[in-house]
Amino acid sequence: MVIYGVSFDLVGKQPIVLLKTAEANKFLPIWIGHPEAAAILMKLQGATAPRPLTHDLLVNILGELDVEIVRVTVTELRENTFHASITVQQNGSELEIDSRSSDAIAVAIRAQAPIYAADSVIEESAIEFEGDDVNEEEIVDEFKRFLESVSAEDFAETELPEEEAEDFLAGDEDDDEER
């Protein structure tokens, strides 16, 4: 997948990173936090900070330890939250590290590592634009119309156990993960 861009949900003003599949006109919108959006946009625009930011620091540390960032994979959509893994390699051994999708993408862009998404994630959550010749303006316009009418909750139907549903409705949710 490639990073197609970063935009904002027109209703909630929440940042969204838009990934595009390499082989088709499928786009995967992932709602992310403002700091991660800034980190991704900064690198996409070629800007640098005078001192390393968190994602830069992580990539620098791994590099100094001779650890290669092999790939990033958006692995699943669970409870309206995209999950990801960062695959690293050291001394010929690979290790997968659990990550928030936004952090994984911010790391991938810095390490120039490829980004993948599980087939099940693409099937469940990707938006497909039909036709061989895709007009960039049409995609942007259609995506804007889509953003006006969608929320993160639209990407997965979550069935909560009765007790959790009651807690959620009572406002007792612990919501520190990105959506």
Protein backbone atom coordinates (compact mmCIF):
# COMPACT_ATOMS: atom_id res chain seq x y z
CA MET A 1 0.00 0.00 0.00
CA VAL A 2 1.05 3.59 -0.42
CA ILE A 3 0.14 6.62 1.62
CA TYR A 4 -2.28 8.48 -0.62
CA GLY A 5 -2.66 11.41 1.75
CA VAL A 6 -3.89 12.74 5.06
CA SER A 7 -7.24 14.50 5.36
CA PHE A 8 -9.75 15.43 8.01
CA ASP A 9 -13.13 13.96 8.81
CA LEU A 10 -15.39 16.90 7.98
CA VAL A 11 -17.80 16.16 10.81
CA GLY A 12 -15.52 15.50 13.78
CA LYS A 13 -12.35 17.16 12.41
CA GLN A 14 -10.47 13.92 13.16
CA PRO A 15 -7.43 13.24 10.94
CA ILE A 16 -7.59 10.33 8.51
CA VAL A 17 -4.67 8.74 6.71
CA LEU A 18 -5.69 7.28 3.38
CA LEU A 19 -3.79 4.23 2.13
CA LYS A 20 -4.11 3.03 -1.47
CA THR A 21 -3.61 -0.52 -2.64
CA ALA A 22 -0.87 -0.95 -5.23
CA GLU A 23 -2.84 -3.20 -7.57
CA ALA A 24 -6.34 -1.74 -7.49
CA ASN A 25 -8.31 1.43 -6.93
CA LYS A 26 -9.01 0.53 -3.31
CA PHE A 27 -8.44 3.02 -0.53
CA LEU A 28 -8.24 2.31 3.19
CA PRO A 29 -9.20 5.26 5.45
CA ILE A 30 -7.74 5.04 8.95
CA TRP A 31 -8.77 7.53 11.63
CA ILE A 32 -5.68 8.68 13.55
CA GLY A 33 -4.70 11.18 16.22
CA HIS A 34 -3.55 14.72 15.55
CA PRO A 35 0.09 14.17 16.66
CA GLU A 36 0.45 11.11 14.39
CA ALA A 37 -1.16 13.02 11.50
CA ALA A 38 1.36 15.81 12.00
CA ALA A 39 4.22 13.30 12.09
CA ILE A 40 3.06 11.63 8.87
CA LEU A 41 2.37 14.92 7.07
CA MET A 42 5.70 16.37 8.15
CA LYS A 43 7.60 13.49 6.55
CA LEU A 44 5.38 13.44 3.44
CA GLN A 45 6.12 17.12 2.92
CA GLY A 46 9.87 16.64 3.44
CA ALA A 47 9.96 18.83 6.55
CA THR A 48 12.40 18.13 9.36
CA ALA A 49 12.50 19.10 13.01
CA PRO A 50 15.63 20.59 14.57
CA ARG A 51 15.70 17.65 17.01
CA PRO A 52 14.40 14.09 16.46
CA LEU A 53 10.71 13.59 17.15
CA THR A 54 9.46 10.35 18.71
CA HIS A 55 9.09 8.35 15.48
CA ASP A 56 12.44 9.65 14.22
CA LEU A 57 14.05 8.69 17.53
CA LEU A 58 12.66 5.14 17.33
CA VAL A 59 13.97 4.67 13.79
CA ASN A 60 17.36 6.15 14.78
CA ILE A 61 17.67 3.86 17.82
CA LEU A 62 16.78 0.77 15.80
CA GLY A 63 19.30 1.77 13.14
CA GLU A 64 22.07 2.18 15.73
CA LEU A 65 21.25 -1.29 17.06
CA ASP A 66 21.49 -2.76 13.53
CA VAL A 67 17.77 -3.54 13.52
CA GLU A 68 16.08 -3.19 10.13
CA ILE A 69 12.42 -2.23 9.85
CA VAL A 70 11.27 -4.74 7.25
CA ARG A 71 7.60 -3.84 6.84
CA VAL A 72 4.49 -2.50 8.51
CA THR A 73 1.18 -4.34 8.28
CA VAL A 74 -2.32 -3.17 9.19
CA THR A 75 -3.37 -6.51 10.63
CA GLU A 76 -6.98 -6.19 11.71
CA LEU A 77 -9.93 -4.01 12.56
CA ARG A 78 -11.13 -4.85 16.04
CA GLU A 79 -13.78 -2.87 17.94
CA ASN A 80 -13.55 -0.03 15.39
CA THR A 81 -9.79 0.26 15.90
CA PHE A 82 -7.18 -0.63 13.30
CA HIS A 83 -4.30 -2.67 14.68
CA ALA A 84 -0.89 -3.01 13.07
CA SER A 85 2.46 -4.68 13.46
CA ILE A 86 5.97 -3.51 12.72
CA THR A 87 8.22 -6.31 11.49
CA VAL A 88 11.89 -5.84 12.37
CA GLN A 89 14.92 -7.96 11.56
CA GLN A 90 18.13 -8.35 13.50
CA ASN A 91 20.85 -10.94 12.91
CA GLY A 92 18.62 -12.78 10.42
CA SER A 93 15.69 -13.15 12.83
CA GLU A 94 12.38 -11.38 12.30
CA LEU A 95 10.19 -10.13 15.11
CA GLU A 96 6.70 -8.65 14.89
CA ILE A 97 5.92 -5.80 17.27
CA ASP A 98 2.33 -4.80 18.02
CA SER A 99 1.62 -1.15 17.17
CA ARG A 100 -1.09 1.38 16.66
CA SER A 101 -1.61 1.73 12.92
CA SER A 102 -0.81 5.45 12.94
CA ASP A 103 2.51 4.94 14.74
CA ALA A 104 3.39 2.05 12.43
CA ILE A 105 2.71 4.22 9.36
CA ALA A 106 4.74 7.13 10.81
CA VAL A 107 7.64 4.73 11.43
CA ALA A 108 7.33 3.12 7.97
CA ILE A 109 7.54 6.44 6.17
CA ARG A 110 10.70 7.34 8.10
CA ALA A 111 12.33 3.94 7.57
CA GLN A 112 11.17 3.76 3.95
CA ALA A 113 9.59 0.41 4.78
CA PRO A 114 6.70 -1.00 2.76
CA ILE A 115 3.18 -0.82 4.17
CA TYR A 116 0.77 -3.73 3.80
CA ALA A 117 -2.77 -4.45 4.93
CA ALA A 118 -4.25 -7.87 5.61
CA ASP A 119 -6.67 -9.03 2.91
CA SER A 120 -9.44 -9.23 5.52
CA VAL A 121 -8.89 -5.56 6.44
CA ILE A 122 -9.10 -4.50 2.80
CA GLU A 123 -12.20 -6.62 2.19
CA GLU A 124 -13.92 -5.27 5.30
CA SER A 125 -12.93 -1.60 5.25
CA ALA A 126 -11.54 -0.45 1.90
CA ILE A 127 -13.41 1.84 -0.45
CA GLU A 128 -13.18 0.88 -4.10
CA PHE A 129 -13.28 3.31 -7.01
CA GLU A 130 -14.20 1.58 -10.25
CA GLY A 131 -12.70 2.12 -13.67
CA ASP A 132 -9.24 1.78 -15.17
CA ASP A 133 -8.56 5.48 -15.56
CA VAL A 134 -8.98 7.01 -12.15
CA ASN A 135 -9.38 10.76 -12.15
CA GLU A 136 -7.58 12.20 -9.10
CA GLU A 137 -10.11 15.03 -8.74
CA GLU A 138 -13.02 12.58 -8.87
CA ILE A 139 -11.43 10.49 -6.13
CA VAL A 140 -10.88 13.52 -3.93
CA ASP A 141 -14.45 14.78 -4.52
CA GLU A 142 -15.97 11.37 -3.90
CA PHE A 143 -13.82 10.88 -0.80
CA LYS A 144 -14.93 14.28 0.55
CA ARG A 145 -18.58 13.31 0.01
CA PHE A 146 -17.86 10.01 1.74
CA LEU A 147 -16.25 11.78 4.73
CA GLU A 148 -19.29 14.00 5.15
CA SER A 149 -21.49 10.99 5.78
CA VAL A 150 -19.30 8.45 7.58
CA SER A 151 -17.95 7.87 11.06
CA ALA A 152 -15.34 5.44 12.37
CA GLU A 153 -18.13 3.29 13.76
CA ASP A 154 -19.39 2.63 10.23
CA PHE A 155 -16.38 0.41 9.49
CA ALA A 156 -17.23 -2.41 11.86
CA GLU A 157 -20.25 -3.68 13.64
CA THR A 158 -19.28 -4.45 17.19
CA GLU A 159 -21.36 -6.71 19.36
CA LEU A 160 -20.54 -6.03 22.98
CA PRO A 161 -21.44 -8.40 25.78
CA GLU A 162 -24.48 -7.07 27.66
CA GLU A 163 -22.41 -5.85 30.64
CA GLU A 164 -19.94 -3.97 28.41
CA ALA A 165 -22.79 -2.46 26.41
CA GLU A 166 -24.38 -1.17 29.62
CA ASP A 167 -21.02 0.31 30.74
CA PHE A 168 -20.59 1.91 27.33
CA LEU A 169 -24.06 3.45 27.40
CA ALA A 170 -23.42 4.68 30.93
CA GLY A 171 -20.25 6.43 29.72
CA ASP A 172 -17.81 4.13 31.54
CA GLU A 173 -15.71 3.39 28.47
CA ASP A 174 -11.92 3.54 28.47
CA ASP A 175 -11.19 5.18 25.14
CA ASP A 176 -7.47 5.77 24.85
CA GLU A 177 -6.95 3.86 21.61
CA GLU A 178 -7.12 5.49 18.22
CA ARG A 179 -10.11 4.89 16.03
